[in-house]
Amino acid sequence: MRGLVMDFGGVLAGPGSGGRLLAGILTDLRRRGVRTAILSNDPGGPAAAGLRELGEGRLVDTVVLSGDVGLAKPDPRIFRLTARRLDLEPGDCVFVDDLVANVRGAVVAGMVGVRHVDPETTAGELGILFDLEQAGMGGTD
């Protein structure tokens, strides 16, 4: 896997999210050369400036907001667009979301889908997919 795409609300922020743990994984993977993105159904506009600022290497390589691109999850086109923005094929990407419908949309687009249930479970799944323990990035026993 060469790309990691995460939802924002419900995965990186909000109730049940894994903000610190998952943000740490994003940071570690970026250091290893994995391309990263946030993909959100946020309506965009001026109110989304803070979310957009997480891109360009601050936390992730790019931020894709539904309101900015005119597409929304679970439409497979938004997953393909996000992969293109990472200069990757969808099959090179893992997508994490707390909503089953969105994970299914990513899978239809060709990505590997991970449903976020809780931070530890998601970290464990990412650890397997990105071989994090062998890379010396800690375990999630």
N, C-alpha and C. Protein backbone atom coordinates (compact mmCIF):
# COMPACT_ATOMS: atom_id res chain seq x y z
N MET A 1 0.83 -1.18 0.00
CA MET A 1 0.00 0.00 0.00
C MET A 1 0.88 1.25 0.00
N ARG A 2 0.49 2.18 -0.84
CA ARG A 2 1.30 3.40 -0.96
C ARG A 2 0.54 4.66 -0.59
N GLY A 3 -0.77 4.52 -0.25
CA GLY A 3 -1.57 5.68 0.11
C GLY A 3 -2.54 5.38 1.22
N LEU A 4 -2.78 6.37 2.08
CA LEU A 4 -3.75 6.27 3.16
C LEU A 4 -4.67 7.48 3.09
N VAL A 5 -5.96 7.21 2.97
CA VAL A 5 -6.98 8.25 2.90
C VAL A 5 -7.90 8.07 4.09
N MET A 6 -8.12 9.14 4.85
CA MET A 6 -8.98 9.05 6.04
C MET A 6 -10.08 10.09 5.98
N ASP A 7 -11.24 9.68 6.49
CA ASP A 7 -12.32 10.61 6.75
C ASP A 7 -11.88 11.51 7.91
N PHE A 8 -12.49 12.67 8.05
CA PHE A 8 -12.13 13.55 9.15
C PHE A 8 -13.07 13.36 10.33
N GLY A 9 -14.33 13.76 10.18
CA GLY A 9 -15.30 13.65 11.27
C GLY A 9 -15.64 12.20 11.55
N GLY A 10 -15.46 11.79 12.81
CA GLY A 10 -15.74 10.42 13.19
C GLY A 10 -14.51 9.52 13.15
N VAL A 11 -13.46 9.95 12.47
CA VAL A 11 -12.22 9.16 12.42
C VAL A 11 -11.08 9.96 13.07
N LEU A 12 -10.81 11.15 12.56
CA LEU A 12 -9.74 11.98 13.12
C LEU A 12 -10.26 12.99 14.14
N ALA A 13 -11.56 13.27 14.14
CA ALA A 13 -12.13 14.23 15.07
C ALA A 13 -13.55 13.81 15.42
N GLY A 14 -14.00 14.24 16.58
CA GLY A 14 -15.37 13.95 16.99
C GLY A 14 -15.47 12.72 17.87
N PRO A 15 -16.69 12.42 18.33
CA PRO A 15 -16.92 11.26 19.21
C PRO A 15 -16.46 9.96 18.56
N GLY A 16 -15.77 9.14 19.33
CA GLY A 16 -15.32 7.85 18.83
C GLY A 16 -14.11 7.92 17.92
N SER A 17 -13.59 9.12 17.74
CA SER A 17 -12.46 9.27 16.83
C SER A 17 -11.18 8.81 17.51
N GLY A 18 -10.16 8.71 16.73
CA GLY A 18 -8.85 8.33 17.25
C GLY A 18 -7.83 9.39 16.97
N GLY A 19 -8.21 10.63 17.15
CA GLY A 19 -7.40 11.78 16.78
C GLY A 19 -5.91 11.62 16.95
N ARG A 20 -5.43 11.51 18.17
CA ARG A 20 -3.98 11.48 18.39
C ARG A 20 -3.34 10.21 17.84
N LEU A 21 -3.93 9.07 18.14
CA LEU A 21 -3.36 7.80 17.68
C LEU A 21 -3.30 7.75 16.16
N LEU A 22 -4.41 8.07 15.50
CA LEU A 22 -4.45 7.97 14.04
C LEU A 22 -3.65 9.08 13.37
N ALA A 23 -3.64 10.26 13.95
CA ALA A 23 -2.79 11.33 13.41
C ALA A 23 -1.32 10.93 13.51
N GLY A 24 -0.95 10.25 14.58
CA GLY A 24 0.42 9.77 14.72
C GLY A 24 0.77 8.76 13.64
N ILE A 25 -0.17 7.88 13.33
CA ILE A 25 0.06 6.91 12.26
C ILE A 25 0.21 7.62 10.93
N LEU A 26 -0.65 8.62 10.67
CA LEU A 26 -0.52 9.40 9.43
C LEU A 26 0.88 10.01 9.33
N THR A 27 1.33 10.62 10.41
CA THR A 27 2.64 11.27 10.41
C THR A 27 3.75 10.26 10.16
N ASP A 28 3.68 9.12 10.85
CA ASP A 28 4.71 8.09 10.67
C ASP A 28 4.72 7.56 9.24
N LEU A 29 3.55 7.33 8.68
CA LEU A 29 3.49 6.81 7.32
C LEU A 29 4.01 7.82 6.31
N ARG A 30 3.69 9.10 6.52
CA ARG A 30 4.22 10.13 5.62
C ARG A 30 5.74 10.14 5.64
N ARG A 31 6.32 9.95 6.81
CA ARG A 31 7.79 9.89 6.92
C ARG A 31 8.36 8.71 6.13
N ARG A 32 7.59 7.66 6.00
CA ARG A 32 8.02 6.47 5.24
C ARG A 32 7.75 6.62 3.75
N GLY A 33 7.14 7.72 3.34
CA GLY A 33 6.88 7.95 1.92
C GLY A 33 5.49 7.56 1.47
N VAL A 34 4.63 7.16 2.40
CA VAL A 34 3.24 6.86 2.05
C VAL A 34 2.52 8.18 1.82
N ARG A 35 1.77 8.26 0.73
CA ARG A 35 1.00 9.47 0.42
C ARG A 35 -0.27 9.46 1.25
N THR A 36 -0.69 10.62 1.78
CA THR A 36 -1.83 10.67 2.70
C THR A 36 -2.81 11.75 2.31
N ALA A 37 -4.08 11.50 2.65
CA ALA A 37 -5.14 12.48 2.35
C ALA A 37 -6.24 12.39 3.38
N ILE A 38 -6.93 13.51 3.54
CA ILE A 38 -8.21 13.55 4.23
C ILE A 38 -9.26 13.69 3.15
N LEU A 39 -10.30 12.87 3.23
CA LEU A 39 -11.44 12.95 2.32
C LEU A 39 -12.68 13.12 3.17
N SER A 40 -13.35 14.26 3.01
CA SER A 40 -14.49 14.58 3.86
C SER A 40 -15.67 15.07 3.03
N ASN A 41 -16.87 14.77 3.50
CA ASN A 41 -18.07 15.30 2.87
C ASN A 41 -18.40 16.70 3.40
N ASP A 42 -17.41 17.38 3.87
CA ASP A 42 -17.56 18.77 4.33
C ASP A 42 -18.06 19.63 3.18
N PRO A 43 -18.97 20.58 3.46
CA PRO A 43 -19.50 21.42 2.38
C PRO A 43 -18.50 22.42 1.80
N GLY A 44 -17.32 22.53 2.38
CA GLY A 44 -16.31 23.44 1.84
C GLY A 44 -16.63 24.89 2.17
N GLY A 45 -16.22 25.77 1.30
CA GLY A 45 -16.45 27.19 1.53
C GLY A 45 -15.47 27.75 2.55
N PRO A 46 -15.65 29.02 2.91
CA PRO A 46 -14.72 29.69 3.83
C PRO A 46 -14.62 29.01 5.20
N ALA A 47 -15.69 28.42 5.68
CA ALA A 47 -15.67 27.78 6.99
C ALA A 47 -14.74 26.57 7.05
N ALA A 48 -14.35 26.03 5.92
CA ALA A 48 -13.50 24.84 5.87
C ALA A 48 -12.01 25.17 5.76
N ALA A 49 -11.65 26.43 5.91
CA ALA A 49 -10.24 26.83 5.76
C ALA A 49 -9.34 26.06 6.72
N GLY A 50 -9.76 25.88 7.96
CA GLY A 50 -8.95 25.16 8.94
C GLY A 50 -8.72 23.71 8.55
N LEU A 51 -9.74 23.09 7.98
CA LEU A 51 -9.61 21.71 7.52
C LEU A 51 -8.65 21.62 6.33
N ARG A 52 -8.77 22.55 5.39
CA ARG A 52 -7.87 22.58 4.24
C ARG A 52 -6.42 22.77 4.67
N GLU A 53 -6.20 23.51 5.75
CA GLU A 53 -4.84 23.78 6.23
C GLU A 53 -4.13 22.54 6.76
N LEU A 54 -4.85 21.44 6.93
CA LEU A 54 -4.21 20.20 7.35
C LEU A 54 -3.46 19.54 6.20
N GLY A 55 -3.69 20.04 4.98
CA GLY A 55 -3.03 19.50 3.80
C GLY A 55 -1.66 20.12 3.58
N GLU A 56 -1.11 19.82 2.42
CA GLU A 56 0.20 20.33 2.01
C GLU A 56 1.29 20.02 3.03
N GLY A 57 1.18 18.83 3.63
CA GLY A 57 2.22 18.37 4.52
C GLY A 57 2.07 18.74 5.98
N ARG A 58 1.08 19.52 6.33
CA ARG A 58 0.92 19.86 7.74
C ARG A 58 0.52 18.62 8.54
N LEU A 59 -0.45 17.87 8.05
CA LEU A 59 -0.79 16.55 8.60
C LEU A 59 -0.83 15.52 7.48
N VAL A 60 -1.41 15.93 6.35
CA VAL A 60 -1.53 15.05 5.19
C VAL A 60 -1.04 15.78 3.94
N ASP A 61 -0.91 15.02 2.86
CA ASP A 61 -0.47 15.63 1.61
C ASP A 61 -1.55 16.47 0.96
N THR A 62 -2.80 16.01 1.05
CA THR A 62 -3.89 16.74 0.41
C THR A 62 -5.19 16.55 1.18
N VAL A 63 -6.08 17.52 1.04
CA VAL A 63 -7.41 17.47 1.63
C VAL A 63 -8.42 17.62 0.50
N VAL A 64 -9.35 16.68 0.42
CA VAL A 64 -10.40 16.72 -0.59
C VAL A 64 -11.74 16.87 0.13
N LEU A 65 -12.44 17.96 -0.17
CA LEU A 65 -13.74 18.24 0.46
C LEU A 65 -14.83 18.17 -0.60
N SER A 66 -15.90 17.50 -0.27
CA SER A 66 -17.01 17.33 -1.20
C SER A 66 -17.50 18.65 -1.76
N GLY A 67 -17.66 19.63 -0.89
CA GLY A 67 -18.16 20.92 -1.34
C GLY A 67 -17.23 21.62 -2.32
N ASP A 68 -15.96 21.31 -2.26
CA ASP A 68 -14.99 21.93 -3.17
C ASP A 68 -14.93 21.24 -4.53
N VAL A 69 -15.25 19.93 -4.56
CA VAL A 69 -15.08 19.17 -5.81
C VAL A 69 -16.41 18.75 -6.45
N GLY A 70 -17.53 18.99 -5.78
CA GLY A 70 -18.83 18.67 -6.36
C GLY A 70 -19.16 17.19 -6.40
N LEU A 71 -18.49 16.40 -5.59
CA LEU A 71 -18.76 14.97 -5.47
C LEU A 71 -18.79 14.64 -3.98
N ALA A 72 -19.48 13.57 -3.62
CA ALA A 72 -19.55 13.19 -2.21
C ALA A 72 -19.43 11.68 -2.04
N LYS A 73 -18.86 11.29 -0.92
CA LYS A 73 -18.84 9.87 -0.56
C LYS A 73 -20.28 9.42 -0.40
N PRO A 74 -20.67 8.28 -0.82
CA PRO A 74 -19.89 7.13 -1.26
C PRO A 74 -19.69 7.02 -2.77
N ASP A 75 -19.88 8.07 -3.51
CA ASP A 75 -19.69 8.03 -4.97
C ASP A 75 -18.25 7.61 -5.28
N PRO A 76 -18.06 6.52 -6.01
CA PRO A 76 -16.70 6.04 -6.31
C PRO A 76 -15.83 7.08 -7.00
N ARG A 77 -16.43 8.04 -7.70
CA ARG A 77 -15.62 9.04 -8.40
C ARG A 77 -14.79 9.90 -7.45
N ILE A 78 -15.30 10.17 -6.25
CA ILE A 78 -14.53 11.01 -5.32
C ILE A 78 -13.32 10.25 -4.78
N PHE A 79 -13.42 8.94 -4.68
CA PHE A 79 -12.27 8.14 -4.25
C PHE A 79 -11.21 8.09 -5.35
N ARG A 80 -11.66 7.95 -6.58
CA ARG A 80 -10.71 7.95 -7.70
C ARG A 80 -10.03 9.32 -7.82
N LEU A 81 -10.80 10.40 -7.64
CA LEU A 81 -10.24 11.74 -7.67
C LEU A 81 -9.18 11.91 -6.57
N THR A 82 -9.47 11.44 -5.40
CA THR A 82 -8.52 11.56 -4.29
C THR A 82 -7.25 10.79 -4.59
N ALA A 83 -7.38 9.58 -5.12
CA ALA A 83 -6.19 8.80 -5.50
C ALA A 83 -5.36 9.56 -6.54
N ARG A 84 -6.03 10.16 -7.54
CA ARG A 84 -5.30 10.93 -8.56
C ARG A 84 -4.55 12.09 -7.93
N ARG A 85 -5.16 12.75 -6.96
CA ARG A 85 -4.49 13.87 -6.30
C ARG A 85 -3.26 13.42 -5.52
N LEU A 86 -3.24 12.14 -5.18
CA LEU A 86 -2.06 11.57 -4.51
C LEU A 86 -1.08 10.97 -5.52
N ASP A 87 -1.40 11.08 -6.81
CA ASP A 87 -0.60 10.46 -7.87
C ASP A 87 -0.50 8.95 -7.69
N LEU A 88 -1.62 8.34 -7.30
CA LEU A 88 -1.69 6.91 -7.09
C LEU A 88 -2.92 6.33 -7.78
N GLU A 89 -2.91 5.04 -7.97
CA GLU A 89 -4.09 4.32 -8.41
C GLU A 89 -4.93 3.99 -7.18
N PRO A 90 -6.25 3.90 -7.31
CA PRO A 90 -7.07 3.55 -6.14
C PRO A 90 -6.61 2.25 -5.46
N GLY A 91 -6.16 1.28 -6.24
CA GLY A 91 -5.72 0.01 -5.68
C GLY A 91 -4.48 0.11 -4.81
N ASP A 92 -3.80 1.26 -4.84
CA ASP A 92 -2.63 1.49 -4.00
C ASP A 92 -3.00 2.16 -2.68
N CYS A 93 -4.31 2.40 -2.47
CA CYS A 93 -4.76 3.19 -1.32
C CYS A 93 -5.64 2.40 -0.35
N VAL A 94 -5.51 2.77 0.91
CA VAL A 94 -6.40 2.30 1.98
C VAL A 94 -7.28 3.49 2.36
N PHE A 95 -8.57 3.24 2.54
CA PHE A 95 -9.50 4.28 2.96
C PHE A 95 -10.12 3.89 4.28
N VAL A 96 -10.17 4.85 5.23
CA VAL A 96 -10.73 4.63 6.55
C VAL A 96 -11.90 5.58 6.77
N ASP A 97 -13.05 5.02 7.16
CA ASP A 97 -14.25 5.82 7.45
C ASP A 97 -15.08 5.08 8.49
N ASP A 98 -15.87 5.82 9.24
CA ASP A 98 -16.74 5.20 10.23
C ASP A 98 -18.08 4.76 9.65
N LEU A 99 -18.39 5.14 8.42
CA LEU A 99 -19.66 4.78 7.80
C LEU A 99 -19.47 3.66 6.78
N VAL A 100 -20.24 2.58 6.94
CA VAL A 100 -20.12 1.42 6.07
C VAL A 100 -20.33 1.80 4.61
N ALA A 101 -21.32 2.63 4.31
CA ALA A 101 -21.60 3.01 2.92
C ALA A 101 -20.39 3.66 2.27
N ASN A 102 -19.67 4.48 3.01
CA ASN A 102 -18.49 5.14 2.45
C ASN A 102 -17.35 4.16 2.22
N VAL A 103 -17.18 3.22 3.14
CA VAL A 103 -16.15 2.18 2.95
C VAL A 103 -16.49 1.36 1.71
N ARG A 104 -17.76 1.03 1.53
CA ARG A 104 -18.16 0.27 0.34
C ARG A 104 -17.89 1.06 -0.94
N GLY A 105 -18.16 2.36 -0.92
CA GLY A 105 -17.88 3.19 -2.09
C GLY A 105 -16.40 3.17 -2.45
N ALA A 106 -15.54 3.21 -1.43
CA ALA A 106 -14.09 3.16 -1.66
C ALA A 106 -13.70 1.82 -2.28
N VAL A 107 -14.30 0.75 -1.79
CA VAL A 107 -13.98 -0.58 -2.31
C VAL A 107 -14.43 -0.70 -3.76
N VAL A 108 -15.61 -0.16 -4.08
CA VAL A 108 -16.09 -0.16 -5.47
C VAL A 108 -15.10 0.58 -6.36
N ALA A 109 -14.51 1.66 -5.84
CA ALA A 109 -13.53 2.44 -6.61
C ALA A 109 -12.19 1.72 -6.74
N GLY A 110 -11.97 0.67 -5.96
CA GLY A 110 -10.73 -0.09 -6.04
C GLY A 110 -9.82 0.02 -4.84
N MET A 111 -10.21 0.81 -3.83
CA MET A 111 -9.38 0.96 -2.64
C MET A 111 -9.63 -0.20 -1.67
N VAL A 112 -8.71 -0.35 -0.74
CA VAL A 112 -8.92 -1.26 0.39
C VAL A 112 -9.67 -0.45 1.43
N GLY A 113 -10.78 -0.98 1.92
CA GLY A 113 -11.61 -0.26 2.87
C GLY A 113 -11.45 -0.77 4.29
N VAL A 114 -11.36 0.17 5.23
CA VAL A 114 -11.29 -0.15 6.65
C VAL A 114 -12.40 0.65 7.34
N ARG A 115 -13.27 -0.07 8.04
CA ARG A 115 -14.32 0.62 8.80
C ARG A 115 -13.78 0.95 10.18
N HIS A 116 -13.82 2.23 10.51
CA HIS A 116 -13.35 2.71 11.82
C HIS A 116 -14.45 2.43 12.85
N VAL A 117 -14.11 1.59 13.82
CA VAL A 117 -15.03 1.30 14.92
C VAL A 117 -14.51 1.95 16.20
N ASP A 118 -13.22 1.82 16.42
CA ASP A 118 -12.56 2.49 17.54
C ASP A 118 -11.09 2.67 17.17
N PRO A 119 -10.40 3.59 17.83
CA PRO A 119 -9.02 3.90 17.44
C PRO A 119 -8.07 2.71 17.47
N GLU A 120 -8.17 1.88 18.48
CA GLU A 120 -7.25 0.76 18.61
C GLU A 120 -7.45 -0.26 17.50
N THR A 121 -8.71 -0.56 17.17
CA THR A 121 -8.99 -1.52 16.10
C THR A 121 -8.49 -0.99 14.76
N THR A 122 -8.76 0.28 14.50
CA THR A 122 -8.31 0.89 13.24
C THR A 122 -6.78 0.89 13.18
N ALA A 123 -6.14 1.25 14.27
CA ALA A 123 -4.67 1.25 14.30
C ALA A 123 -4.13 -0.16 14.04
N GLY A 124 -4.79 -1.17 14.60
CA GLY A 124 -4.38 -2.54 14.36
C GLY A 124 -4.51 -2.94 12.90
N GLU A 125 -5.63 -2.57 12.28
CA GLU A 125 -5.83 -2.86 10.85
C GLU A 125 -4.78 -2.16 10.00
N LEU A 126 -4.51 -0.90 10.30
CA LEU A 126 -3.49 -0.17 9.55
C LEU A 126 -2.11 -0.76 9.77
N GLY A 127 -1.87 -1.24 10.99
CA GLY A 127 -0.61 -1.89 11.29
C GLY A 127 -0.38 -3.11 10.41
N ILE A 128 -1.44 -3.87 10.18
CA ILE A 128 -1.34 -5.04 9.31
C ILE A 128 -1.13 -4.61 7.86
N LEU A 129 -1.96 -3.69 7.39
CA LEU A 129 -1.91 -3.28 5.98
C LEU A 129 -0.61 -2.59 5.59
N PHE A 130 -0.04 -1.83 6.53
CA PHE A 130 1.18 -1.08 6.23
C PHE A 130 2.42 -1.68 6.91
N ASP A 131 2.27 -2.84 7.52
CA ASP A 131 3.39 -3.54 8.16
C ASP A 131 4.12 -2.62 9.14
N LEU A 132 3.35 -1.97 10.00
CA LEU A 132 3.92 -0.97 10.90
C LEU A 132 4.84 -1.55 11.96
N GLU A 133 4.53 -2.72 12.49
CA GLU A 133 5.39 -3.29 13.53
C GLU A 133 6.77 -3.61 12.99
N GLN A 134 6.84 -4.17 11.80
CA GLN A 134 8.16 -4.47 11.22
C GLN A 134 8.93 -3.20 10.92
N ALA A 135 8.22 -2.12 10.68
CA ALA A 135 8.89 -0.86 10.38
C ALA A 135 9.35 -0.16 11.67
N GLY A 136 9.06 -0.79 12.82
CA GLY A 136 9.50 -0.21 14.09
C GLY A 136 8.62 0.92 14.56
N MET A 137 7.36 0.92 14.17
CA MET A 137 6.46 2.00 14.56
C MET A 137 5.55 1.60 15.71
N GLY A 138 5.89 0.56 16.42
CA GLY A 138 5.10 0.20 17.58
C GLY A 138 3.94 -0.71 17.21
N GLY A 139 3.47 -1.37 18.19
CA GLY A 139 2.36 -2.30 18.00
C GLY A 139 1.10 -1.78 18.63
N THR A 140 0.04 -2.50 18.40
CA THR A 140 -1.26 -2.13 18.96
C THR A 140 -1.86 -3.32 19.69
N ASP A 141 -0.98 -4.15 20.34
CA ASP A 141 -1.43 -5.37 21.00
C ASP A 141 -2.70 -5.17 21.77
